Amino acid sequence: MQNIAVLTSGGDAQGMNACIRAVVRMGIAENLRVYGVMDGFNGMVDGDIKELEYADVSNIIQRGGTILGTARSERFHKKEFRKIAFENLKKIGVEALVVIGGDGSFKGAKVFSEEFNMPFIGIPGTIDNDIIGTDYTLGFDTALNNIINAIDKIRDTASAHHRIFLVEVMGNTSGLLAINAALTTGAEDVFIPEALEDFARFESKIKKAVAAKKSSIIIVSEGDEIGGAKELYNYLKEKNLHEKIRVTILGHIQRGGAPSFLDRKMGTDFGVVAVQKILQEKYNLILGIQNNQMITYTLGDKITKNVSNQAEVLKIMHKLNVF
């Protein structure tokens, strides 16, 4: 093994740069040439690939985003473009890939590996924390802390005006960000895609809060069945319960900012182990964390997870936050 390449794909997540840095420096220390693929699978198709030196990854461990850029590639869904991508890698002698991303990235890497015998190691990087087989993904801890910090500030103004804030968070089809944020901010309620909400109970809760001039934080996952915070506001408006309601959509602020200790450490560990596995010729594996231990596993048909114990968690939440 002489040449490897690293890429980031899909949504960016804090800790990706720490991981890139570790792959590059560990690779160089093991006498490998390490190439960076720009803008995910699009860079493979376009041949936008450059060798990364030691200095190229200096002063990036503290930065959010990804220095390689990222994208969701529609072209890579087609075999004709995957073939072009393979030829571009072959020209420079790339023998294995390190793919940092989420479920779509891993699906693409798996298909690519099966078609062209290109080995890969997958590193879970998504703020949604929705990759099966791992307790944590890169970016989840930092994104959650961003949400907590924002909600703490929102609660100040909510208290001053006795208002109820519907705060929308990311998560795609997983409520893991929302439910963990709700538990750690003292939110009065949470809407997640995995659980059907009792709207009669919710309306009663809102009425009590308004009557008591009590401020409240309601966290809504973007993938919830009702659609999101704006849609929930419109529902309450139809019930004439909107006067004291305000909507805040946190959006991409959740993805930005310096990575936390956990994301820097996990990104570094993932990068080092990825190179080690490649040198050991242990390929087509996903790295993960289970019970605070690094593990590897093969990719199955099911890649994503959601809140598996939502009923119990919601029951606890409702006990902790009763009007």
Protein backbone atom coordinates (compact mmCIF):
# COMPACT_ATOMS: atom_id res chain seq x y z
CA MET A 1 0.00 0.00 0.00
CA GLN A 2 1.47 3.33 -1.09
CA ASN A 3 -1.35 5.77 -1.88
CA ILE A 4 -4.63 6.48 -0.11
CA ALA A 5 -7.24 9.22 -0.44
CA VAL A 6 -9.57 10.87 2.06
CA LEU A 7 -12.86 12.65 1.36
CA THR A 8 -15.74 14.21 3.25
CA SER A 9 -19.22 13.77 1.84
CA GLY A 10 -22.78 14.87 2.59
CA GLY A 11 -23.49 17.38 5.34
CA ASP A 12 -20.47 18.85 7.11
CA ALA A 13 -19.91 18.01 10.76
CA GLN A 14 -17.58 19.40 13.40
CA GLY A 15 -14.61 17.10 13.91
CA MET A 16 -14.16 16.33 10.22
CA ASN A 17 -11.03 18.50 10.06
CA ALA A 18 -9.54 16.77 13.10
CA CYS A 19 -10.14 13.47 11.31
CA ILE A 20 -8.60 14.67 8.02
CA ARG A 21 -5.56 15.91 9.93
CA ALA A 22 -5.10 12.54 11.64
CA VAL A 23 -5.46 10.56 8.39
CA VAL A 24 -2.90 12.74 6.62
CA ARG A 25 -0.31 12.85 9.38
CA MET A 26 -0.69 9.18 10.32
CA GLY A 27 -0.45 8.25 6.65
CA ILE A 28 2.71 10.30 6.13
CA ALA A 29 4.24 8.82 9.30
CA GLU A 30 3.61 5.37 7.80
CA ASN A 31 5.26 6.35 4.48
CA LEU A 32 2.00 6.66 2.56
CA ARG A 33 1.10 9.37 0.09
CA VAL A 34 -2.24 10.83 1.11
CA TYR A 35 -4.54 12.57 -1.35
CA GLY A 36 -7.48 14.81 -0.54
CA VAL A 37 -10.60 14.58 -2.71
CA MET A 38 -12.31 17.95 -2.97
CA ASP A 39 -16.07 18.32 -2.55
CA GLY A 40 -16.88 14.69 -1.85
CA PHE A 41 -17.67 12.26 -4.64
CA ASN A 42 -17.97 15.20 -7.04
CA GLY A 43 -14.22 15.72 -6.72
CA MET A 44 -13.60 12.10 -7.67
CA VAL A 45 -15.70 12.51 -10.80
CA ASP A 46 -14.05 15.83 -11.72
CA GLY A 47 -10.54 14.67 -10.90
CA ASP A 48 -10.23 17.43 -8.30
CA ILE A 49 -7.77 15.50 -6.15
CA LYS A 50 -4.52 16.79 -4.66
CA GLU A 51 -1.76 15.35 -2.55
CA LEU A 52 -1.81 16.59 1.03
CA GLU A 53 1.41 17.39 2.85
CA TYR A 54 2.05 17.71 6.57
CA ALA A 55 1.64 21.51 6.49
CA ASP A 56 -1.66 21.33 4.59
CA VAL A 57 -3.42 20.10 7.72
CA SER A 58 -1.76 22.48 10.18
CA ASN A 59 -4.02 24.73 12.25
CA ILE A 60 -7.26 23.00 11.28
CA ILE A 61 -8.09 20.81 14.29
CA GLN A 62 -10.03 23.68 15.90
CA ARG A 63 -12.08 24.54 12.81
CA GLY A 64 -15.59 23.45 11.99
CA GLY A 65 -16.64 22.47 8.48
CA THR A 66 -14.16 20.62 6.28
CA ILE A 67 -11.11 21.94 4.44
CA LEU A 68 -11.79 19.46 1.64
CA GLY A 69 -15.27 20.78 0.98
CA THR A 70 -18.30 18.53 0.75
CA ALA A 71 -21.33 17.94 -1.43
CA ARG A 72 -24.11 15.51 -2.23
CA SER A 73 -23.32 14.12 -5.66
CA GLU A 74 -26.21 13.24 -7.93
CA ARG A 75 -23.78 12.17 -10.66
CA PHE A 76 -22.21 9.52 -8.44
CA HIS A 77 -25.55 7.67 -8.43
CA LYS A 78 -24.85 6.74 -12.07
CA LYS A 79 -22.35 4.02 -12.91
CA GLU A 80 -20.92 5.95 -15.87
CA PHE A 81 -19.73 8.69 -13.50
CA ARG A 82 -18.50 6.20 -10.91
CA LYS A 83 -16.34 4.68 -13.65
CA ILE A 84 -14.88 8.12 -14.42
CA ALA A 85 -14.19 8.56 -10.69
CA PHE A 86 -12.38 5.22 -10.55
CA GLU A 87 -10.23 6.09 -13.55
CA ASN A 88 -9.27 9.39 -11.91
CA LEU A 89 -8.16 7.57 -8.76
CA LYS A 90 -6.35 4.93 -10.79
CA LYS A 91 -4.33 7.57 -12.66
CA ILE A 92 -2.66 8.69 -9.43
CA GLY A 93 -2.41 5.22 -7.94
CA VAL A 94 -4.93 5.51 -5.10
CA GLU A 95 -5.40 2.07 -3.58
CA ALA A 96 -7.86 2.75 -0.73
CA LEU A 97 -10.30 5.42 0.44
CA VAL A 98 -11.16 6.91 3.80
CA VAL A 99 -14.75 8.17 3.54
CA ILE A 100 -16.00 10.54 6.25
CA GLY A 101 -19.75 11.07 6.12
CA GLY A 102 -23.19 9.67 6.76
CA ASP A 103 -25.51 7.04 5.34
CA GLY A 104 -25.45 8.31 1.75
CA SER A 105 -21.65 8.48 1.79
CA PHE A 106 -21.37 4.91 3.05
CA LYS A 107 -23.86 3.62 0.49
CA GLY A 108 -21.85 5.28 -2.27
CA ALA A 109 -18.56 3.90 -0.95
CA LYS A 110 -20.00 0.39 -0.69
CA VAL A 111 -21.33 0.38 -4.25
CA PHE A 112 -18.07 1.85 -5.53
CA SER A 113 -16.05 -0.80 -3.71
CA GLU A 114 -18.18 -3.65 -5.05
CA GLU A 115 -18.02 -2.41 -8.64
CA PHE A 116 -14.33 -1.49 -8.86
CA ASN A 117 -12.71 -3.35 -5.97
CA MET A 118 -11.72 -0.10 -4.29
CA PRO A 119 -11.23 -0.75 -0.54
CA PHE A 120 -12.57 1.80 1.92
CA ILE A 121 -12.86 2.62 5.59
CA GLY A 122 -15.95 4.56 6.63
CA ILE A 123 -15.88 7.13 9.42
CA PRO A 124 -19.28 8.34 10.72
CA GLY A 125 -19.53 12.11 10.42
CA THR A 126 -23.00 13.62 10.81
CA ILE A 127 -24.53 15.88 13.45
CA ASP A 128 -27.69 13.73 13.32
CA ASN A 129 -25.95 10.80 15.08
CA ASP A 130 -28.17 8.49 13.03
CA ILE A 131 -25.63 5.89 11.87
CA ILE A 132 -26.39 2.41 13.14
CA GLY A 133 -23.60 0.56 14.95
CA THR A 134 -22.06 3.53 16.75
CA ASP A 135 -23.09 5.43 19.87
CA TYR A 136 -21.65 8.69 18.54
CA THR A 137 -20.87 10.27 15.19
CA LEU A 138 -18.55 13.21 14.51
CA GLY A 139 -20.37 16.50 15.04
CA PHE A 140 -23.19 15.29 17.27
CA ASP A 141 -21.67 16.50 20.54
CA THR A 142 -20.75 19.95 19.19
CA ALA A 143 -24.11 20.42 17.46
CA LEU A 144 -25.89 19.47 20.66
CA ASN A 145 -23.85 21.98 22.63
CA ASN A 146 -24.67 24.65 20.02
CA ILE A 147 -28.36 23.89 20.49
CA ILE A 148 -28.08 23.99 24.28
CA ASN A 149 -26.29 27.36 24.20
CA ALA A 150 -28.91 28.83 21.85
CA ILE A 151 -31.85 27.57 23.90
CA ASP A 152 -30.35 28.89 27.14
CA LYS A 153 -30.32 32.36 25.53
CA ILE A 154 -33.83 31.97 24.11
CA ARG A 155 -35.13 31.01 27.55
CA ASP A 156 -33.97 34.38 28.94
CA THR A 157 -36.18 36.37 26.57
CA ALA A 158 -38.98 33.79 26.82
CA SER A 159 -39.05 34.30 30.59
CA ALA A 160 -39.00 38.09 30.29
CA HIS A 161 -42.09 38.14 28.05
CA HIS A 162 -43.86 35.02 29.38
CA ARG A 163 -43.68 33.52 25.89
CA ILE A 164 -43.63 30.02 24.51
CA PHE A 165 -40.91 29.34 21.96
CA LEU A 166 -41.07 26.60 19.36
CA VAL A 167 -37.41 25.85 18.60
CA GLU A 168 -36.72 23.78 15.50
CA VAL A 169 -33.56 21.68 15.39
CA MET A 170 -32.02 19.51 12.69
CA GLY A 171 -32.00 15.73 12.62
CA ASN A 172 -33.27 14.66 9.21
CA THR A 173 -35.60 11.74 10.06
CA SER A 174 -34.01 11.09 13.45
CA GLY A 175 -35.10 12.75 16.69
CA LEU A 176 -31.81 12.10 18.51
CA LEU A 177 -30.69 15.75 18.45
CA ALA A 178 -34.12 16.97 19.51
CA ILE A 179 -34.71 14.56 22.37
CA ASN A 180 -31.21 14.95 23.82
CA ALA A 181 -31.50 18.74 23.58
CA ALA A 182 -34.89 18.59 25.29
CA LEU A 183 -33.58 16.50 28.16
CA THR A 184 -30.57 18.78 28.76
CA THR A 185 -32.29 22.17 28.45
CA GLY A 186 -35.34 21.43 30.57
CA ALA A 187 -37.64 21.84 27.58
CA GLU A 188 -41.32 21.51 28.40
CA ASP A 189 -42.05 19.33 25.39
CA VAL A 190 -40.45 17.80 22.30
CA PHE A 191 -41.69 16.64 18.93
CA ILE A 192 -39.69 13.87 17.26
CA PRO A 193 -40.36 11.82 14.10
CA GLU A 194 -40.32 8.51 16.00
CA ALA A 195 -43.28 9.25 18.29
CA LEU A 196 -46.91 10.16 17.62
CA GLU A 197 -47.81 13.23 19.65
CA ASP A 198 -50.92 13.41 21.82
CA PHE A 199 -52.21 16.76 20.52
CA ALA A 200 -55.04 16.98 23.05
CA ARG A 201 -52.49 16.75 25.86
CA PHE A 202 -50.22 19.25 24.09
CA GLU A 203 -53.02 21.81 23.59
CA SER A 204 -53.96 21.50 27.26
CA LYS A 205 -50.33 22.08 28.23
CA ILE A 206 -50.11 25.23 26.08
CA LYS A 207 -53.36 26.63 27.55
CA LYS A 208 -52.06 26.10 31.09
CA ALA A 209 -48.76 27.79 30.24
CA VAL A 210 -50.51 30.83 28.74
CA ALA A 211 -52.95 31.12 31.65
CA ALA A 212 -50.12 30.91 34.18
CA LYS A 213 -47.99 33.41 32.24
CA LYS A 214 -45.34 30.72 32.17
CA SER A 215 -42.54 30.70 29.62
CA SER A 216 -41.86 27.44 27.85
CA ILE A 217 -39.48 25.87 25.36
CA ILE A 218 -40.90 23.35 22.91
CA ILE A 219 -38.30 21.59 20.76
CA VAL A 220 -39.41 20.39 17.33
CA SER A 221 -37.34 18.09 15.13
CA GLU A 222 -37.28 19.17 11.48
CA GLY A 223 -38.36 15.67 10.46
CA ASP A 224 -41.38 15.52 12.76
CA GLU A 225 -44.69 14.30 11.33
CA ILE A 226 -46.21 17.76 11.69
CA GLY A 227 -43.51 19.18 9.42
CA GLY A 228 -41.54 21.52 11.71
CA ALA A 229 -41.88 24.50 14.04
CA LYS A 230 -43.69 26.75 11.55
CA GLU A 231 -46.24 24.05 10.85
CA LEU A 232 -46.79 23.51 14.56
CA TYR A 233 -47.27 27.27 14.99
CA ASN A 234 -49.91 27.25 12.22
CA TYR A 235 -51.67 24.36 13.97
CA LEU A 236 -51.78 26.34 17.21
CA LYS A 237 -52.95 29.43 15.31
CA GLU A 238 -55.96 27.47 14.07
CA LYS A 239 -56.73 26.73 17.72
CA ASN A 240 -56.34 30.42 18.69
CA LEU A 241 -53.34 29.54 20.86
CA HIS A 242 -50.69 31.45 18.95
CA GLU A 243 -50.65 34.88 20.60
CA LYS A 244 -47.81 34.07 23.02
CA ILE A 245 -46.03 31.68 20.64
CA ARG A 246 -42.77 32.52 18.87
CA VAL A 247 -40.80 30.40 16.40
CA THR A 248 -37.01 30.06 16.20
CA ILE A 249 -35.38 27.85 13.58
CA LEU A 250 -31.77 27.26 14.56
CA GLY A 251 -30.79 25.98 11.12
CA HIS A 252 -27.17 25.67 10.07
CA ILE A 253 -25.79 27.38 13.17
CA GLN A 254 -25.95 23.85 14.62
CA ARG A 255 -23.26 22.67 12.19
CA GLY A 256 -20.85 25.57 12.68
CA GLY A 257 -18.23 26.52 15.21
CA ALA A 258 -15.20 24.95 16.82
CA PRO A 259 -15.56 21.24 17.59
CA SER A 260 -15.86 20.12 21.19
CA PHE A 261 -13.21 18.07 23.01
CA LEU A 262 -15.17 14.90 22.23
CA ASP A 263 -15.38 15.61 18.50
CA ARG A 264 -11.68 16.57 18.27
CA LYS A 265 -10.60 13.46 20.18
CA MET A 266 -12.97 11.13 18.35
CA GLY A 267 -12.02 12.58 14.96
CA THR A 268 -8.33 12.09 15.73
CA ASP A 269 -8.86 8.52 16.97
CA PHE A 270 -10.97 7.63 13.95
CA GLY A 271 -8.34 8.99 11.55
CA VAL A 272 -5.48 7.09 13.16
CA VAL A 273 -7.38 3.79 13.30
CA ALA A 274 -8.56 4.18 9.67
CA VAL A 275 -4.96 4.28 8.47
CA GLN A 276 -4.02 1.38 10.73
CA LYS A 277 -6.83 -0.78 9.34
CA ILE A 278 -5.78 -0.01 5.77
CA LEU A 279 -2.17 -1.00 6.53
CA GLN A 280 -3.46 -4.20 8.11
CA GLU A 281 -5.45 -4.84 4.90
CA LYS A 282 -8.71 -4.87 6.86
CA TYR A 283 -11.03 -3.19 4.40
CA ASN A 284 -14.63 -2.15 3.83
CA LEU A 285 -15.25 -1.50 7.50
CA ILE A 286 -17.08 1.24 9.38
CA LEU A 287 -15.49 2.63 12.54
CA GLY A 288 -17.67 3.35 15.52
CA ILE A 289 -17.85 3.91 19.28
CA GLN A 290 -19.69 1.51 21.56
CA ASN A 291 -19.49 1.73 25.36
CA ASN A 292 -16.62 4.23 24.98
CA GLN A 293 -14.57 1.72 22.98
CA MET A 294 -13.52 1.93 19.32
CA ILE A 295 -15.11 -0.84 17.27
CA THR A 296 -15.28 -1.83 13.60
CA TYR A 297 -18.20 -3.39 11.77
CA THR A 298 -19.31 -4.20 8.26
CA LEU A 299 -22.03 -2.24 6.53
CA GLY A 300 -25.40 -3.96 6.47
CA ASP A 301 -28.56 -3.22 4.52
CA LYS A 302 -29.82 -0.92 7.29
CA ILE A 303 -27.51 2.05 7.88
CA THR A 304 -29.52 4.60 9.87
CA LYS A 305 -30.99 4.50 13.37
CA ASN A 306 -33.39 6.68 15.31
CA VAL A 307 -34.65 7.07 18.88
CA SER A 308 -35.26 3.45 19.84
CA ASN A 309 -36.61 4.02 23.37
CA GLN A 310 -38.68 7.11 22.61
CA ALA A 311 -41.71 6.07 24.66
CA GLU A 312 -39.71 5.72 27.89
CA VAL A 313 -37.72 8.90 27.32
CA LEU A 314 -40.84 10.94 26.57
CA LYS A 315 -42.54 9.54 29.67
CA ILE A 316 -39.61 10.69 31.81
CA MET A 317 -39.62 14.11 30.14
CA HIS A 318 -43.30 14.63 30.81
CA LYS A 319 -42.79 13.70 34.48
CA LEU A 320 -39.93 16.19 34.78
CA ASN A 321 -41.77 19.05 33.08
CA VAL A 322 -45.35 19.06 34.34
CA PHE A 323 -47.31 22.32 34.59
